[in-house]
N, C-alpha and C. Protein backbone atom coordinates (compact mmCIF):
# COMPACT_ATOMS: atom_id res chain seq x y z
N MET A 1 -25.37 -14.80 -22.82
CA MET A 1 -23.76 -15.23 -23.35
C MET A 1 -23.19 -13.57 -23.47
N ARG A 2 -23.39 -12.28 -23.13
CA ARG A 2 -22.82 -11.21 -23.00
C ARG A 2 -22.02 -11.07 -21.33
N LYS A 3 -23.25 -11.87 -20.54
CA LYS A 3 -22.60 -11.53 -19.21
C LYS A 3 -21.08 -11.86 -18.73
N PRO A 4 -20.65 -13.50 -19.46
CA PRO A 4 -19.28 -13.86 -19.26
C PRO A 4 -18.50 -12.86 -19.77
N VAL A 5 -18.80 -12.40 -21.00
CA VAL A 5 -17.55 -11.60 -21.49
C VAL A 5 -17.37 -10.67 -20.57
N VAL A 6 -18.17 -9.94 -20.64
CA VAL A 6 -18.24 -9.10 -19.12
C VAL A 6 -17.38 -8.96 -17.87
N LEU A 7 -17.68 -9.93 -17.69
CA LEU A 7 -16.76 -10.81 -16.25
C LEU A 7 -15.50 -11.02 -16.67
N ALA A 8 -15.43 -11.23 -17.48
CA ALA A 8 -13.73 -12.22 -17.90
C ALA A 8 -13.12 -10.43 -18.48
N VAL A 9 -13.67 -9.88 -19.12
CA VAL A 9 -12.87 -8.10 -19.29
C VAL A 9 -12.61 -7.47 -17.57
N ALA A 10 -13.78 -7.71 -16.99
CA ALA A 10 -13.50 -6.99 -15.76
C ALA A 10 -12.27 -7.98 -14.74
N ALA A 11 -12.58 -9.48 -14.88
CA ALA A 11 -11.17 -9.76 -14.66
C ALA A 11 -10.06 -9.65 -14.49
N ALA A 12 -9.48 -9.62 -16.38
CA ALA A 12 -8.70 -9.54 -16.47
C ALA A 12 -7.74 -7.58 -16.77
N ALA A 13 -8.96 -6.72 -15.85
CA ALA A 13 -8.30 -5.50 -15.85
C ALA A 13 -8.20 -5.50 -14.56
N LEU A 14 -9.15 -6.62 -13.33
CA LEU A 14 -8.69 -6.59 -11.92
C LEU A 14 -7.33 -6.62 -12.28
N VAL A 15 -6.88 -7.94 -12.74
CA VAL A 15 -5.72 -8.67 -12.75
C VAL A 15 -4.37 -7.64 -12.65
N ALA A 16 -4.95 -6.85 -13.73
CA ALA A 16 -3.71 -6.05 -14.29
C ALA A 16 -3.48 -5.19 -13.65
N ALA A 17 -4.73 -4.34 -12.74
CA ALA A 17 -4.33 -3.53 -11.90
C ALA A 17 -3.37 -3.82 -10.61
N ALA A 18 -3.78 -5.17 -10.28
CA ALA A 18 -3.35 -5.45 -9.35
C ALA A 18 -1.56 -5.80 -9.46
N TRP A 19 -1.46 -6.40 -10.57
CA TRP A 19 0.29 -6.47 -11.06
C TRP A 19 0.90 -5.30 -11.01
N TRP A 20 -0.10 -4.30 -11.53
CA TRP A 20 0.95 -3.02 -11.77
C TRP A 20 1.13 -2.29 -9.95
N ALA A 21 -0.17 -2.49 -9.24
CA ALA A 21 -0.04 -2.17 -7.96
C ALA A 21 1.34 -2.33 -7.24
N ARG A 22 0.86 -3.81 -7.68
CA ARG A 22 2.36 -4.34 -6.87
C ARG A 22 3.69 -3.88 -7.32
N ALA A 23 3.65 -3.83 -8.38
CA ALA A 23 5.30 -3.35 -8.76
C ALA A 23 5.60 -2.03 -8.33
N GLN A 24 4.59 -1.18 -7.89
CA GLN A 24 5.25 0.49 -7.49
C GLN A 24 4.74 -0.02 -6.02
N MET A 25 4.47 -0.86 -5.15
CA MET A 25 5.24 -0.75 -3.92
C MET A 25 6.84 -0.80 -3.55
N PRO A 26 7.22 -0.41 -2.36
CA PRO A 26 8.58 -0.51 -2.24
C PRO A 26 9.04 -1.57 -1.96
N GLN A 27 10.12 -1.98 -2.27
CA GLN A 27 10.73 -3.56 -2.12
C GLN A 27 11.90 -3.50 -1.13
N THR A 28 11.20 -4.11 0.47
CA THR A 28 11.59 -3.77 1.40
C THR A 28 11.54 -5.07 2.25
N ALA A 29 12.65 -5.67 3.00
CA ALA A 29 12.77 -6.67 3.19
C ALA A 29 11.67 -7.00 4.09
N CYS A 30 10.91 -5.89 4.44
CA CYS A 30 9.36 -6.35 5.57
C CYS A 30 8.46 -5.73 4.99
N SER A 31 7.33 -6.34 5.52
CA SER A 31 5.79 -5.77 5.36
C SER A 31 5.55 -4.72 6.91
N VAL A 32 4.79 -3.90 6.54
CA VAL A 32 4.68 -2.84 7.73
C VAL A 32 2.71 -2.81 7.58
N GLY A 33 2.21 -3.58 8.71
CA GLY A 33 1.09 -3.27 9.37
C GLY A 33 0.41 -2.01 9.78
N HIS A 34 -0.70 -1.38 9.66
CA HIS A 34 -0.92 -0.18 9.67
C HIS A 34 -1.33 -0.17 11.47
N ALA A 35 -1.45 -0.86 12.44
CA ALA A 35 -1.47 -0.40 13.24
C ALA A 35 -0.24 -0.47 14.08
N GLY A 36 0.78 -0.93 13.46
CA GLY A 36 2.16 -0.90 14.05
C GLY A 36 2.57 0.58 13.41
N TYR A 37 2.49 0.93 12.63
CA TYR A 37 3.00 1.63 11.92
C TYR A 37 2.52 3.09 12.84
N GLN A 38 0.86 3.05 12.91
CA GLN A 38 0.19 4.36 13.52
C GLN A 38 0.50 4.22 14.68
N ALA A 39 1.40 3.24 15.60
CA ALA A 39 1.75 3.21 17.13
C ALA A 39 3.46 3.92 16.94
N LEU A 40 3.68 4.00 16.09
CA LEU A 40 5.27 4.89 15.84
C LEU A 40 5.19 5.87 15.98
N PRO A 41 6.17 6.06 17.54
CA PRO A 41 5.94 7.16 17.96
C PRO A 41 6.32 8.90 16.76
N MET A 42 6.06 10.15 17.10
CA MET A 42 6.87 11.25 16.77
C MET A 42 8.06 11.53 16.55
N LYS A 43 8.69 12.02 16.15
CA LYS A 43 10.38 12.32 16.90
C LYS A 43 11.06 11.26 17.02
N VAL A 44 11.31 10.11 16.76
CA VAL A 44 12.24 9.70 16.63
C VAL A 44 13.29 9.30 15.55
N SER A 45 13.89 8.55 15.80
CA SER A 45 15.13 8.57 15.13
C SER A 45 14.55 7.80 14.09
N TYR A 46 15.11 7.66 12.41
CA TYR A 46 15.03 6.91 11.32
C TYR A 46 15.56 5.38 12.30
N ASP A 47 17.17 5.36 12.50
CA ASP A 47 17.64 4.19 13.38
C ASP A 47 16.04 3.60 14.92
N LYS A 48 15.53 3.72 14.89
CA LYS A 48 14.24 3.74 16.19
C LYS A 48 13.63 3.34 15.78
N ALA A 49 13.07 3.92 14.37
CA ALA A 49 11.81 3.52 13.28
C ALA A 49 12.02 2.81 12.82
N ARG A 50 13.28 2.29 12.39
CA ARG A 50 13.92 1.13 11.38
C ARG A 50 13.87 0.20 12.02
N ASP A 51 14.15 -0.05 13.57
CA ASP A 51 14.43 -1.30 14.56
C ASP A 51 12.97 -1.62 15.21
N LEU A 52 11.97 -0.12 15.25
CA LEU A 52 10.39 -0.76 15.69
C LEU A 52 9.79 -1.57 14.37
N LEU A 53 10.14 -1.04 13.24
CA LEU A 53 9.49 -2.05 11.82
C LEU A 53 9.96 -3.10 11.60
N GLY A 54 10.50 -3.42 12.10
CA GLY A 54 11.83 -4.41 11.41
C GLY A 54 12.88 -4.43 10.35
N CYS A 55 13.02 -3.78 9.30
CA CYS A 55 13.63 -3.19 8.62
C CYS A 55 13.65 -2.47 7.64
N ASN A 56 15.29 -1.96 7.32
CA ASN A 56 15.52 -0.70 7.01
C ASN A 56 13.80 -0.31 5.42
N GLY A 57 13.84 1.31 5.43
CA GLY A 57 12.28 1.60 4.70
C GLY A 57 13.81 2.21 3.20
N GLN A 58 12.81 2.02 1.76
CA GLN A 58 13.25 2.40 0.60
C GLN A 58 13.87 4.06 1.33
N LEU A 59 14.88 4.76 0.76
CA LEU A 59 14.86 6.29 0.76
C LEU A 59 14.05 6.15 -0.57
N VAL A 60 12.95 7.62 -0.41
CA VAL A 60 12.77 8.05 -1.87
C VAL A 60 13.30 9.01 -1.77
N SER A 61 13.44 10.05 -1.47
CA SER A 61 14.01 10.92 -1.79
C SER A 61 14.70 12.50 -0.48
N ARG A 62 16.00 12.61 -0.70
CA ARG A 62 16.92 13.37 0.12
C ARG A 62 17.18 14.95 -0.06
N GLN A 63 16.49 15.73 1.29
CA GLN A 63 17.34 17.10 0.32
C GLN A 63 17.83 17.76 1.25
N LYS A 64 18.74 18.72 0.99
CA LYS A 64 19.76 19.49 1.67
C LYS A 64 19.38 20.78 2.20
N ARG A 65 18.64 21.39 2.59
CA ARG A 65 18.85 22.97 2.84
C ARG A 65 19.32 23.92 3.30
N GLY A 66 20.57 24.05 3.68
CA GLY A 66 21.36 24.37 4.81
C GLY A 66 21.60 23.94 5.44
N GLU A 67 20.95 23.41 6.37
CA GLU A 67 22.01 22.68 7.61
C GLU A 67 20.79 21.33 7.83
N LEU A 68 19.62 22.04 7.30
CA LEU A 68 18.30 21.21 7.29
C LEU A 68 18.75 20.11 6.50
N VAL A 69 18.38 18.61 7.03
CA VAL A 69 18.18 17.45 5.89
C VAL A 69 16.48 16.93 6.06
N ILE A 70 16.02 16.88 5.20
CA ILE A 70 14.83 16.16 5.01
C ILE A 70 14.85 14.64 3.96
N GLU A 71 14.64 13.47 5.17
CA GLU A 71 14.51 12.05 4.19
C GLU A 71 13.20 11.68 4.32
N SER A 72 12.31 11.27 2.98
CA SER A 72 11.44 10.22 3.00
C SER A 72 11.73 9.15 2.96
N TYR A 73 11.16 8.25 3.60
CA TYR A 73 11.51 7.05 3.34
C TYR A 73 10.26 5.97 3.01
N ALA A 74 10.03 4.99 2.71
CA ALA A 74 8.81 3.89 2.25
C ALA A 74 8.80 2.86 2.42
N TRP A 75 7.93 1.98 3.15
CA TRP A 75 7.93 0.90 3.69
C TRP A 75 6.70 -0.01 2.63
N ARG A 76 6.77 -1.33 2.04
CA ARG A 76 5.76 -2.05 1.96
C ARG A 76 4.75 -2.59 2.85
N GLY A 77 3.59 -1.57 2.78
CA GLY A 77 2.43 -2.02 3.62
C GLY A 77 1.64 -3.25 3.28
N THR A 78 1.05 -3.69 4.46
CA THR A 78 0.21 -4.42 4.36
C THR A 78 -1.31 -4.77 4.06
N GLY A 79 -2.19 -5.47 3.73
CA GLY A 79 -3.23 -5.34 3.27
C GLY A 79 -3.53 -5.15 1.81
N GLY A 80 -4.50 -5.72 1.28
CA GLY A 80 -4.74 -5.07 -0.34
C GLY A 80 -3.69 -5.68 -1.34
N LEU A 81 -4.16 -5.27 -2.20
CA LEU A 81 -3.19 -5.59 -3.49
C LEU A 81 -2.25 -4.20 -3.29
N TYR A 82 -2.47 -3.42 -2.59
CA TYR A 82 -0.98 -2.01 -2.84
C TYR A 82 -1.09 -1.94 -1.01
N GLY A 83 -0.02 -1.19 -0.93
CA GLY A 83 0.26 -1.11 0.53
C GLY A 83 1.54 -0.19 0.16
N ARG A 84 1.47 0.64 1.66
CA ARG A 84 2.27 1.56 1.37
C ARG A 84 2.43 2.69 3.03
N ALA A 85 3.74 2.45 3.31
CA ALA A 85 3.91 3.40 4.88
C ALA A 85 5.21 4.12 4.18
N GLU A 86 4.87 5.77 4.72
CA GLU A 86 5.61 6.69 4.29
C GLU A 86 5.93 7.60 5.09
N ALA A 87 7.43 7.94 5.58
CA ALA A 87 7.79 8.98 6.86
C ALA A 87 8.59 9.61 6.54
N VAL A 88 8.80 10.80 7.17
CA VAL A 88 9.66 11.91 6.68
C VAL A 88 10.24 12.04 7.65
N PHE A 89 11.55 12.54 7.87
CA PHE A 89 12.90 12.60 9.23
C PHE A 89 13.03 13.94 8.63
N ILE A 90 12.97 14.93 9.43
CA ILE A 90 13.49 15.89 9.32
C ILE A 90 14.77 16.24 10.34
N ASP A 91 15.78 16.52 10.13
CA ASP A 91 17.48 16.07 10.79
C ASP A 91 17.08 14.90 11.79
N ASN A 92 16.71 14.14 11.07
CA ASN A 92 16.68 12.90 12.27
C ASN A 92 15.71 12.97 12.97
N ALA A 93 14.28 13.59 12.81
CA ALA A 93 13.46 12.93 13.50
C ALA A 93 11.93 13.01 12.78
N LEU A 94 11.49 11.86 13.41
CA LEU A 94 10.41 11.57 12.32
C LEU A 94 8.70 12.74 12.61
N GLU A 95 8.99 13.56 11.77
CA GLU A 95 7.85 14.95 11.50
C GLU A 95 6.57 14.93 10.93
N LYS A 96 7.03 13.80 9.75
CA LYS A 96 5.09 13.13 9.73
C LYS A 96 5.46 11.46 8.93
N LYS A 97 3.84 11.01 9.07
CA LYS A 97 4.04 9.45 8.35
C LYS A 97 2.73 9.55 7.69
N SER A 98 2.57 9.03 6.82
CA SER A 98 1.11 8.25 5.87
C SER A 98 1.31 6.69 6.04
N PHE A 99 -0.12 6.33 6.05
CA PHE A 99 -0.40 5.03 5.49
C PHE A 99 -0.92 4.80 4.46
N VAL A 100 -0.88 3.97 3.21
CA VAL A 100 -2.02 4.05 2.39
C VAL A 100 -2.43 2.21 2.00
N SER A 101 -3.47 2.10 1.63
CA SER A 101 -3.91 1.00 1.23
C SER A 101 -4.78 0.60 0.58
N VAL A 102 -4.87 -0.03 -0.41
CA VAL A 102 -5.75 -0.03 -1.20
C VAL A 102 -6.23 -1.82 -1.59
N GLY A 103 -7.57 -1.45 -1.78
CA GLY A 103 -8.01 -3.37 -2.12
C GLY A 103 -9.18 -3.31 -2.70
N VAL A 104 -9.93 -4.24 -2.75
CA VAL A 104 -10.87 -4.55 -3.86
C VAL A 104 -11.76 -5.80 -3.12
N THR A 105 -13.05 -5.30 -3.21
CA THR A 105 -13.82 -6.11 -2.92
C THR A 105 -15.07 -6.37 -3.68
N VAL A 106 -15.42 -7.85 -4.03
CA VAL A 106 -16.21 -7.99 -5.08
C VAL A 106 -17.45 -8.62 -4.50
N ASN A 107 -18.39 -8.06 -5.01
CA ASN A 107 -19.73 -8.52 -4.54
C ASN A 107 -20.98 -8.53 -5.26
N MET A 108 -21.73 -9.64 -5.55
CA MET A 108 -22.21 -9.71 -6.96
C MET A 108 -23.39 -10.48 -6.15
N GLU A 109 -24.37 -9.56 -6.59
CA GLU A 109 -25.83 -9.68 -5.99
C GLU A 109 -26.89 -9.45 -7.03
N SER A 110 -27.80 -10.98 -7.06
CA SER A 110 -28.84 -9.96 -8.24
C SER A 110 -30.12 -10.15 -7.51
N GLU A 111 -31.04 -9.22 -8.29
CA GLU A 111 -32.20 -9.11 -7.86
C GLU A 111 -33.37 -9.77 -8.98
N GLY A 112 -34.62 -9.64 -8.96
CA GLY A 112 -35.23 -10.42 -9.74
C GLY A 112 -35.30 -11.83 -10.73
N THR A 113 -35.36 -11.91 -11.54
CA THR A 113 -35.03 -13.36 -12.40
C THR A 113 -34.30 -13.42 -13.77
N ASP A 114 -33.24 -13.77 -13.80
CA ASP A 114 -32.67 -14.23 -14.99
C ASP A 114 -33.43 -15.26 -16.11
N LYS A 115 -33.98 -14.76 -17.03
CA LYS A 115 -35.05 -15.76 -17.66
C LYS A 115 -33.71 -16.54 -18.90
N GLY A 116 -34.36 -17.89 -18.34
CA GLY A 116 -33.28 -18.87 -19.37
C GLY A 116 -31.78 -19.12 -18.49
N TYR A 117 -31.36 -18.97 -17.37
CA TYR A 117 -30.14 -18.92 -16.94
C TYR A 117 -30.71 -19.96 -15.61
N ARG A 118 -29.80 -20.95 -15.84
CA ARG A 118 -30.07 -21.92 -14.69
C ARG A 118 -28.44 -22.62 -14.31
N GLN A 119 -28.58 -21.88 -13.06
CA GLN A 119 -27.37 -22.80 -12.19
C GLN A 119 -26.86 -24.18 -12.18
N PRO A 120 -25.91 -25.08 -12.16
CA PRO A 120 -25.93 -26.25 -12.82
C PRO A 120 -25.68 -26.50 -11.46
C-alpha cells in the first residue's frame, strides 16, 4: 500500500518542479533549438543573431563601462522541462553563448517478485 503513496508524492513533486522551471524560462516569441543555437557564429551583431534565431531575445542585463557596452539576452530553449539559450554581446558583437536544457526521464524497473501484487 505504501508504494502508491510514494509514487503519488513523487509525481506531485515532479509536476511542481516542472511548473516552477517553466515559469523561469524567458518569455520570448519563439523557442530556440540547441543545434540552431550552436550554429550561431561568434562576433555577429544582436540584430543578425535575432534574425537567425527567429525572434527578439529577452534583455537580461545591460552594463556600460566607459565606452564598453555589455548586453546579455536570453531566449526560450526547446527540449525538456526547462530550456534557456543565453548570449552576451560586447559592443554589439556576440562574445559568449550558452544553452541549458533540463529534462526528466522516468524508468521504472523491478527485479525479483512482488508477493501479493498482481497486475490487472
